[in-house]
Amino acid sequence: MDIAIYLAQEEQKINGLIGSKRYSEAYNACKQLLLRFPEEKDLLKIKKRIENEVAEENEKIVEEKLNSLKPLWKSNSYADILKTLKELLALSPNNSKIKKLYFETQEKYQKQVEDLQKDFVKQQSVRLNEL
């Protein structure tokens, strides 16, 4: 089989995987081909395209998740917000918006815990006084 035909078939398979949003499989297939044919510029372009599309998908996911946190903000569910933000940081570790929100949420959660502790101590002292 001619190498050009083989590469064209493999590129078509990879493009099909990209089209069906199976980025991981497409990326791995592309990397395997690049190990065998490192000089193929078309494969490098496809690899870069996969990376860009994954980054775009991650950004969409991040925005959707951030929007889904609005009810949690209203109910002051900082622990749940922190869990979600931690997951988002794994998806997009260099996202400054997520980092800032994570830091702010940590501060609010810490304050919330401190307030709960103060209330608990007050309640316990009232109970002791009653006894």
Protein backbone atom coordinates (compact mmCIF):
# COMPACT_ATOMS: atom_id res chain seq x y z
CA MET A 1 0.00 0.00 0.00
CA ASP A 2 1.24 3.43 -0.87
CA ILE A 3 2.15 5.55 2.19
CA ALA A 4 0.24 8.57 0.87
CA ILE A 5 -2.94 6.50 0.52
CA TYR A 6 -2.44 5.00 3.98
CA LEU A 7 -1.95 8.44 5.52
CA ALA A 8 -5.00 9.81 3.71
CA GLN A 9 -7.13 6.96 5.08
CA GLU A 10 -5.80 7.47 8.61
CA GLU A 11 -6.37 11.22 8.40
CA GLN A 12 -9.93 10.54 7.27
CA LYS A 13 -10.47 8.22 10.27
CA ILE A 14 -9.06 10.86 12.63
CA ASN A 15 -11.25 13.56 11.09
CA GLY A 16 -14.24 11.26 11.58
CA LEU A 17 -13.34 10.87 15.25
CA ILE A 18 -13.02 14.63 15.58
CA GLY A 19 -16.40 15.07 13.89
CA SER A 20 -18.00 12.77 16.45
CA LYS A 21 -16.20 14.61 19.26
CA ARG A 22 -14.12 11.60 20.23
CA TYR A 23 -11.12 13.82 20.80
CA SER A 24 -9.12 11.48 22.99
CA GLU A 25 -9.19 8.70 20.41
CA ALA A 26 -8.41 11.12 17.60
CA TYR A 27 -5.52 12.65 19.52
CA ASN A 28 -4.03 9.27 20.39
CA ALA A 29 -4.34 8.05 16.80
CA CYS A 30 -2.72 11.24 15.56
CA LYS A 31 0.13 10.92 18.05
CA GLN A 32 0.74 7.31 17.01
CA LEU A 33 0.93 8.34 13.36
CA LEU A 34 3.26 11.20 14.21
CA LEU A 35 5.60 8.75 15.92
CA ARG A 36 5.80 6.81 12.66
CA PHE A 37 5.73 9.82 10.34
CA PRO A 38 7.09 12.81 12.27
CA GLU A 39 7.66 14.89 9.14
CA GLU A 40 4.00 14.89 8.09
CA LYS A 41 2.83 18.50 8.35
CA ASP A 42 -0.81 17.56 7.79
CA LEU A 43 -0.72 15.38 10.90
CA LEU A 44 0.76 18.24 12.89
CA LYS A 45 -2.06 20.49 11.70
CA ILE A 46 -4.64 17.90 12.70
CA LYS A 47 -3.03 17.49 16.12
CA LYS A 48 -3.14 21.26 16.65
CA ARG A 49 -6.77 21.33 15.48
CA ILE A 50 -7.67 18.65 18.03
CA GLU A 51 -5.93 20.60 20.79
CA ASN A 52 -7.79 23.78 19.82
CA GLU A 53 -11.17 22.07 19.65
CA VAL A 54 -10.62 20.39 23.03
CA ALA A 55 -9.69 23.76 24.53
CA GLU A 56 -12.87 25.29 23.07
CA GLU A 57 -15.01 22.43 24.40
CA ASN A 58 -13.42 22.78 27.82
CA GLU A 59 -14.20 26.49 27.84
CA LYS A 60 -17.83 25.77 26.97
CA ILE A 61 -18.04 23.21 29.78
CA VAL A 62 -16.44 25.65 32.21
CA GLU A 63 -18.92 28.40 31.32
CA GLU A 64 -21.89 26.05 31.62
CA LYS A 65 -20.70 24.79 35.01
CA LEU A 66 -20.07 28.32 36.26
CA ASN A 67 -23.59 29.30 35.23
CA SER A 68 -24.99 26.24 36.99
CA LEU A 69 -23.41 27.45 40.25
CA LYS A 70 -25.68 30.49 40.50
CA PRO A 71 -28.32 28.75 42.68
CA LEU A 72 -25.57 27.48 44.97
CA TRP A 73 -24.25 31.02 45.40
CA LYS A 74 -27.71 32.20 46.40
CA SER A 75 -28.01 29.46 49.01
CA ASN A 76 -24.43 29.98 50.28
CA SER A 77 -23.49 26.34 49.57
CA TYR A 78 -19.80 27.09 49.49
CA ALA A 79 -18.66 23.50 50.03
CA ASP A 80 -20.52 22.35 46.90
CA ILE A 81 -19.21 25.33 44.95
CA LEU A 82 -15.64 24.50 45.98
CA LYS A 83 -16.05 20.89 44.79
CA THR A 84 -17.28 22.04 41.40
CA LEU A 85 -14.58 24.70 41.06
CA LYS A 86 -11.93 22.12 41.90
CA GLU A 87 -13.20 19.94 39.04
CA LEU A 88 -13.18 22.94 36.73
CA LEU A 89 -9.59 23.74 37.69
CA ALA A 90 -8.65 20.24 36.57
CA LEU A 91 -10.26 20.96 33.19
CA SER A 92 -8.77 24.40 32.82
CA PRO A 93 -5.82 24.84 35.21
CA ASN A 94 -4.72 28.19 33.81
CA ASN A 95 -8.14 29.83 33.92
CA SER A 96 -7.69 32.93 36.07
CA LYS A 97 -11.45 33.40 36.49
CA ILE A 98 -11.81 29.97 38.11
CA LYS A 99 -8.76 30.53 40.29
CA LYS A 100 -10.15 33.85 41.51
CA LEU A 101 -13.58 32.35 42.22
CA TYR A 102 -11.97 29.42 44.03
CA PHE A 103 -9.98 31.75 46.27
CA GLU A 104 -13.00 33.95 47.00
CA THR A 105 -15.16 30.93 47.74
CA GLN A 106 -12.55 29.53 50.10
CA GLU A 107 -12.60 32.79 52.04
CA LYS A 108 -16.41 32.84 52.20
CA TYR A 109 -16.51 29.19 53.26
CA GLN A 110 -13.96 29.84 56.00
CA LYS A 111 -16.03 32.77 57.27
CA GLN A 112 -19.18 30.65 57.14
CA VAL A 113 -17.52 27.92 59.22
CA GLU A 114 -16.25 30.47 61.73
CA ASP A 115 -19.77 31.94 62.08
CA LEU A 116 -21.20 28.47 62.59
CA GLN A 117 -18.62 27.76 65.26
CA LYS A 118 -19.46 31.01 67.06
CA ASP A 119 -23.18 30.19 66.95
CA PHE A 120 -22.49 26.71 68.29
CA VAL A 121 -20.44 28.08 71.17
CA LYS A 122 -23.20 30.58 71.99
CA GLN A 123 -25.83 27.86 71.95
CA GLN A 124 -23.74 25.64 74.18
CA SER A 125 -23.11 28.42 76.67
CA VAL A 126 -26.84 29.19 76.82
CA ARG A 127 -27.57 25.51 77.44
CA LEU A 128 -24.95 25.38 80.19
CA ASN A 129 -26.39 28.46 81.83
CA GLU A 130 -29.84 26.93 81.75
CA LEU A 131 -28.55 23.79 83.39
